[in-house]
Amino acid sequence: MRAAAAGLTTGLIGQVLAVSDASAQATPPASTTIGVPGSVHSTDTSKGTIKVYSSWPLTGSMQTTGGDAVEAIKMCLEDFGGAAGGFKLEYTAMDDGVAANNGGWEAGQESNNANTVVNDADAMVYMATYNSGAAKISIPILNQVQPAGMAMISYANTGVGLTKLIDGVTDPGEPDIYYPSGKRNYMRVCPADDIQGAAAATWAYTERSRKKAYVLHDNSYYGKGVAAVFRDKFQAAGGEVLGFEGYDKSASDYQSLATSIGDKGPDVIMCGATVDNNPAKLLQDLRGVMDVATVDFIGSDGVANTAFVQGAGDAAEGAYITFAGYTPDKLLALGGPGGDYVSRVQERLGHMPDAYAVYGYETMVVVIQTLDKVAEKDRGKILDAMFATEGFVSLLGGTWSFTDTGDTDSAIIGLSQVVNGQITYQKTISGA
């Protein structure tokens, strides 16, 4: 009230409250300037506690990918004083992965996590999941929470059918089968694979002049989906698809598969996969047959991580990787809030953050600002307010809003290449 009387804008009032209440830092980090303009934030905790949970793989090959996102969320909570809407925020990072699957997600574990959350009366938001296939399990669980559903928001799901219907790509009944109540309760802050797969195919055909593609996937819901979009768009552009095939993630080698593909003479191989499903070994064997100078390899965002590059070793050099946004090196080059985020989280981690962790921070800001707006422990009101998010100023620059399907209307797809063992941003191929 004193700030308003002094003539400060609502945005500045939020900054003043964050500093004066938390007394954590003299100048708020640039990262905290993102979000919906005019949002007012206070670190008052007089109303009690609200619990916020996340769920994605945190061990095995996913240790860095999942762990970096958790650290980004923790940093965001610290930046905003660990409170919102009059409540203290208590964050729990759940693991939906299992050791037997190289740390990859498991349906029973994700179901247990989702049910744990809905049965906790203090839990208001579920930040989940990383894997699109896992989201198929938990969305309906939260959708049926009485009386008005519970908000689920993902920082990394890109599977198309979770929110949209696209012939030839999505499964029968999608997406309605995930929303038995008839009301949407799920949102994601990253662009979906109908944008990513199409952008990759268009770039390969028009800018790289690739005319013959072989398309692989890891048989996962996500991997097959993004690969199908690439296949259809590449064909529509005029290219020839020599094969569309799922590979066995448990195979010890892929020499026979690589030889078979090489004999067909592709000039580009696209692979939809996540790092825990053995794409590094697949690339090694593909490179044993086909040289980087004559055959491009394009990996989807599930391999936009250090674990893939290190696993593939020399074979990764020259590989192209698409990502639903900007990689950390690009954010640093852009500067501003995105660059500030990368610099600070890198210092905390001791390494460059996983590409998707930026959306972990952004997701937490969405949650905090929604709780500030509602200022009640009411799942239905929180869901409705979150779904209405619009004009959100992003760490990537520009703004985005949630559509009526729960998707972001951002369409930024970045293209990187492995150069000297590092994932290095090259250009934006969609939605600059």
Foldseek 3Di string as FASTA:
>chain_A
DVCVVVPDALLVQQQVQQCVVQVPDPGQFLLVSFWAPNQHWHLAAQVEEAEEEEEEFCDFLCVQVLVLLVLLLVVLCVSRNCHFLNHRYHYDYYYQADVVLRRHGDQVSLLVVLVVQLPDLRYQEYADDQEQLNCLRRLLVQLPRPDAGGAYEYLHYAQAQCQDDDPQQHDPPGPVVSRVVSAGRYAYAFHHLLLQLLLVLCCCCPVVVWAEEEEEEQPGSQFLRSSRSNVVNNVVVPHHYPYYYYDHLPDPACLVVLVVVVVSPGQEYETRYALSSNVLRVLLNNCVRDPLVRHAYEYELNCQDLSSLVSNDPSQAFHKYKDRADFLVVLCVVDGSLVSSQVVSCVVVVHGHRRSSQSSNVVSSLQRSLSNVVSDSDNNSSSVSSQQGFQTQGSRGGGWHQDSSNYTPASWMWMFGQHPSHTGTDGTSDRD
